[in-house]
Amino acid sequence: MIIVDKHEPKRFVETLRKMGVKVEVKSLPLGDYIVKDYVVERKTIDDLLSSIQTARIWKQLYRLMLLQKEGYKPMIVVTGNTPYLGRGGYDSKMSQFFVFQLVSSFSYGIPVIHLDFDGRMPWFLYQLHIRGDKKKTSKPVTVKKKTDVREIKSDMLSCIPGIGRTLADELSKRYSIAELSRMKEEKLSNILIGKRRLGRKGKMIRRVLNE
């Protein structure tokens, strides 16, 4: 059985049922599809790029990452053509997409799958369904939320390459994620932690939160 969030396109549900898959439609607190122990978050390329610009995506990645401790395997599926200039050149949006793939996979441990158009989504879910552990059944996700905002911010910052827990703790005491994402690179690089400036680490923070 595949559990589908009620906000997902009805045509996906209809296609899965035509494939012979039992589908349950309900409201999900996290993710758009649950296929056995996989939690799949679907995003169109435009939605992904928008959430990168607003820094919303990093909070979503953090919540998905927590599911790994509950035995789930979260993943993000991006649908739609990526921006491409042609003649061997990529625009800034393409760069943002590539950086997101790297950060999500290596810092959060969440793979990013790209499908060139929405119509492939049911097929992808079907493949997960038939190839997964046959002994496991899909079950709704129960999200356990942390209530300490500073700890949540620190967890998010410590996922950025080069930012250790001690540094993340100190930054989370002083700034919100939104404040850090709005800072210019020079100001971020000149933040003093003890007797040292952030330097290149500040550049990395800005890159991850904004690209």
Protein backbone atom coordinates (compact mmCIF):
# COMPACT_ATOMS: atom_id res chain seq x y z
CA MET A 1 0.00 0.00 0.00
CA ILE A 2 1.08 3.57 -0.70
CA ILE A 3 -0.15 6.42 1.51
CA VAL A 4 -0.65 9.67 -0.41
CA ASP A 5 -1.12 13.15 1.04
CA LYS A 6 -4.55 14.56 0.25
CA HIS A 7 -3.03 17.63 -1.44
CA GLU A 8 -1.22 15.60 -4.12
CA PRO A 9 -2.66 15.46 -7.68
CA LYS A 10 -5.59 13.07 -8.01
CA ARG A 11 -4.27 11.85 -11.35
CA PHE A 12 -1.30 10.28 -9.55
CA VAL A 13 -3.65 8.32 -7.30
CA GLU A 14 -5.72 7.17 -10.27
CA THR A 15 -2.60 6.05 -12.17
CA LEU A 16 -1.27 4.09 -9.18
CA ARG A 17 -4.60 2.31 -8.75
CA LYS A 18 -4.62 1.40 -12.45
CA MET A 19 -1.20 -0.16 -11.83
CA GLY A 20 -2.82 -2.40 -9.23
CA VAL A 21 -1.48 -0.58 -6.17
CA LYS A 22 -3.66 -0.12 -3.10
CA VAL A 23 -3.67 3.59 -2.24
CA GLU A 24 -4.84 5.40 0.89
CA VAL A 25 -5.32 9.17 0.69
CA LYS A 26 -5.00 11.14 3.93
CA SER A 27 -3.40 14.20 5.47
CA LEU A 28 0.30 13.63 6.19
CA PRO A 29 2.24 15.75 8.71
CA LEU A 30 5.45 15.34 6.75
CA GLY A 31 6.21 14.13 3.23
CA ASP A 32 3.82 13.61 0.36
CA TYR A 33 4.03 9.83 -0.04
CA ILE A 34 4.82 6.93 2.26
CA VAL A 35 5.95 3.78 0.49
CA LYS A 36 6.77 1.15 3.13
CA ASP A 37 9.70 2.71 5.03
CA TYR A 38 10.31 5.46 2.44
CA VAL A 39 9.02 9.00 3.04
CA VAL A 40 8.94 10.89 -0.25
CA GLU A 41 8.72 14.67 -0.46
CA ARG A 42 7.76 15.83 -3.97
CA LYS A 43 8.69 19.28 -5.24
CA THR A 44 8.44 20.91 -8.62
CA ILE A 45 11.66 22.60 -9.72
CA ASP A 46 10.04 26.04 -9.33
CA ASP A 47 8.83 25.24 -5.81
CA LEU A 48 12.28 23.99 -4.84
CA LEU A 49 14.08 27.08 -6.13
CA SER A 50 11.56 29.32 -4.37
CA SER A 51 12.02 27.49 -1.06
CA ILE A 52 15.81 27.84 -1.41
CA GLN A 53 15.44 31.60 -1.86
CA THR A 54 13.28 31.90 1.27
CA ALA A 55 15.48 29.40 3.23
CA ARG A 56 12.31 27.36 3.93
CA ILE A 57 13.85 24.22 2.44
CA TRP A 58 16.46 23.86 5.20
CA LYS A 59 13.78 23.57 7.87
CA GLN A 60 12.04 20.91 5.79
CA LEU A 61 15.30 19.00 5.32
CA TYR A 62 15.93 19.10 9.04
CA ARG A 63 12.50 17.64 9.82
CA LEU A 64 12.98 14.93 7.21
CA MET A 65 16.42 14.12 8.63
CA LEU A 66 14.88 13.47 12.06
CA LEU A 67 12.76 10.68 10.51
CA GLN A 68 15.92 8.63 9.99
CA LYS A 69 16.09 8.13 13.75
CA GLU A 70 12.59 6.61 13.57
CA GLY A 71 13.69 4.05 10.98
CA TYR A 72 12.35 5.84 7.91
CA LYS A 73 14.23 6.58 4.67
CA PRO A 74 13.39 10.13 3.58
CA MET A 75 14.05 11.33 0.05
CA ILE A 76 13.17 14.31 -2.12
CA VAL A 77 11.90 13.92 -5.67
CA VAL A 78 12.16 17.04 -7.84
CA THR A 79 10.01 17.10 -10.98
CA GLY A 80 10.35 19.30 -14.05
CA ASN A 81 13.11 20.46 -16.34
CA THR A 82 16.02 22.21 -14.66
CA PRO A 83 16.89 25.72 -15.93
CA TYR A 84 19.45 25.46 -18.74
CA LEU A 85 20.98 28.14 -20.90
CA GLY A 86 22.26 25.92 -23.68
CA ARG A 87 25.63 26.04 -25.41
CA GLY A 88 27.28 24.44 -22.40
CA GLY A 89 26.30 27.16 -19.92
CA TYR A 90 24.18 26.92 -16.77
CA ASP A 91 22.40 29.82 -15.10
CA SER A 92 22.45 30.67 -11.39
CA LYS A 93 19.27 28.67 -10.75
CA MET A 94 20.92 25.54 -12.12
CA SER A 95 23.83 26.18 -9.77
CA GLN A 96 21.40 26.47 -6.84
CA PHE A 97 19.87 23.13 -7.77
CA PHE A 98 23.26 21.39 -7.89
CA VAL A 99 24.35 22.87 -4.55
CA PHE A 100 21.06 21.77 -2.99
CA GLN A 101 21.60 18.21 -4.25
CA LEU A 102 25.07 18.10 -2.69
CA VAL A 103 24.04 19.60 0.66
CA SER A 104 20.92 17.43 0.97
CA SER A 105 22.80 14.23 0.14
CA PHE A 106 26.05 14.75 2.03
CA SER A 107 25.08 17.01 4.96
CA TYR A 108 21.58 15.73 5.68
CA GLY A 109 21.86 12.22 4.25
CA ILE A 110 18.72 12.72 2.14
CA PRO A 111 18.99 11.69 -1.53
CA VAL A 112 17.53 13.95 -4.22
CA ILE A 113 15.97 12.28 -7.27
CA HIS A 114 15.23 14.31 -10.39
CA LEU A 115 12.39 13.37 -12.77
CA ASP A 116 12.12 15.45 -15.94
CA PHE A 117 8.32 15.71 -15.78
CA ASP A 118 5.46 15.07 -13.34
CA GLY A 119 4.07 12.14 -15.29
CA ARG A 120 6.94 9.92 -14.17
CA MET A 121 6.03 10.30 -10.48
CA PRO A 122 3.53 7.39 -10.27
CA TRP A 123 6.00 5.14 -12.11
CA PHE A 124 8.76 6.05 -9.64
CA LEU A 125 6.49 5.34 -6.65
CA TYR A 126 5.47 2.02 -8.20
CA GLN A 127 9.12 1.01 -8.54
CA LEU A 128 9.72 1.83 -4.87
CA HIS A 129 6.64 -0.18 -3.97
CA ILE A 130 7.62 -3.37 -5.80
CA ARG A 131 11.34 -3.21 -5.00
CA GLY A 132 11.06 -2.40 -1.30
CA ASP A 133 11.11 -4.88 1.56
CA LYS A 134 8.01 -7.00 1.03
CA LYS A 135 7.76 -7.64 4.78
CA LYS A 136 7.30 -3.95 5.54
CA THR A 137 4.05 -2.08 5.19
CA SER A 138 3.46 1.65 4.81
CA LYS A 139 2.53 3.36 8.05
CA PRO A 140 1.78 7.00 8.82
CA VAL A 141 4.64 9.11 10.10
CA THR A 142 4.43 10.41 13.64
CA VAL A 143 6.45 13.59 13.85
CA LYS A 144 8.22 14.19 17.13
CA LYS A 145 8.96 17.89 17.32
CA LYS A 146 11.66 19.51 19.41
CA THR A 147 10.44 22.51 21.35
CA ASP A 148 13.81 24.21 22.00
CA VAL A 149 14.12 26.67 19.09
CA ARG A 150 17.80 27.32 19.77
CA GLU A 151 18.59 23.61 19.63
CA ILE A 152 16.71 23.28 16.35
CA LYS A 153 18.66 26.21 14.86
CA SER A 154 21.91 24.70 16.07
CA ASP A 155 21.05 21.32 14.52
CA MET A 156 20.34 23.02 11.19
CA LEU A 157 23.56 25.07 11.18
CA SER A 158 25.73 22.12 12.18
CA CYS A 159 24.62 20.36 8.95
CA ILE A 160 26.51 22.98 6.92
CA PRO A 161 29.98 21.74 5.87
CA GLY A 162 32.71 23.18 8.12
CA ILE A 163 30.30 24.29 10.87
CA GLY A 164 30.87 22.23 14.01
CA ARG A 165 28.46 21.91 16.90
CA THR A 166 30.23 24.46 19.13
CA LEU A 167 30.20 27.11 16.40
CA ALA A 168 26.59 26.29 15.51
CA ASP A 169 25.57 26.66 19.17
CA GLU A 170 27.21 30.08 19.39
CA LEU A 171 25.63 31.35 16.17
CA SER A 172 22.19 30.08 17.20
CA LYS A 173 22.43 32.10 20.40
CA ARG A 174 23.08 35.34 18.51
CA TYR A 175 21.08 35.08 15.31
CA SER A 176 17.98 33.62 13.72
CA ILE A 177 18.27 31.58 10.52
CA ALA A 178 16.49 34.39 8.67
CA GLU A 179 19.03 36.96 9.94
CA LEU A 180 21.96 34.82 8.80
CA SER A 181 20.42 34.25 5.36
CA ARG A 182 19.95 38.02 4.85
CA MET A 183 23.47 39.00 5.88
CA LYS A 184 25.93 40.07 3.23
CA GLU A 185 28.94 37.82 2.76
CA GLU A 186 31.38 40.38 4.15
CA LYS A 187 29.40 40.82 7.36
CA LEU A 188 29.06 37.07 7.84
CA SER A 189 32.77 36.52 7.28
CA ASN A 190 33.64 39.20 9.86
CA ILE A 191 31.52 37.74 12.67
CA LEU A 192 33.81 37.16 15.65
CA ILE A 193 33.56 33.86 17.51
CA GLY A 194 36.01 34.13 20.37
CA LYS A 195 39.05 35.79 18.82
CA ARG A 196 38.51 34.45 15.31
CA ARG A 197 36.40 35.62 12.39
CA LEU A 198 34.21 33.19 10.50
CA GLY A 199 36.06 33.88 7.26
CA ARG A 200 35.38 31.20 4.65
CA LYS A 201 32.87 29.54 6.96
CA GLY A 202 30.74 32.67 6.71
CA LYS A 203 30.88 32.40 2.93
CA MET A 204 29.73 28.77 3.13
CA ILE A 205 26.82 29.68 5.44
CA ARG A 206 25.62 32.32 3.00
CA ARG A 207 26.01 29.96 0.05
CA VAL A 208 24.00 27.18 1.66
CA LEU A 209 21.22 29.42 2.96
CA ASN A 210 20.80 31.45 -0.23
CA GLU A 211 21.95 29.57 -3.31
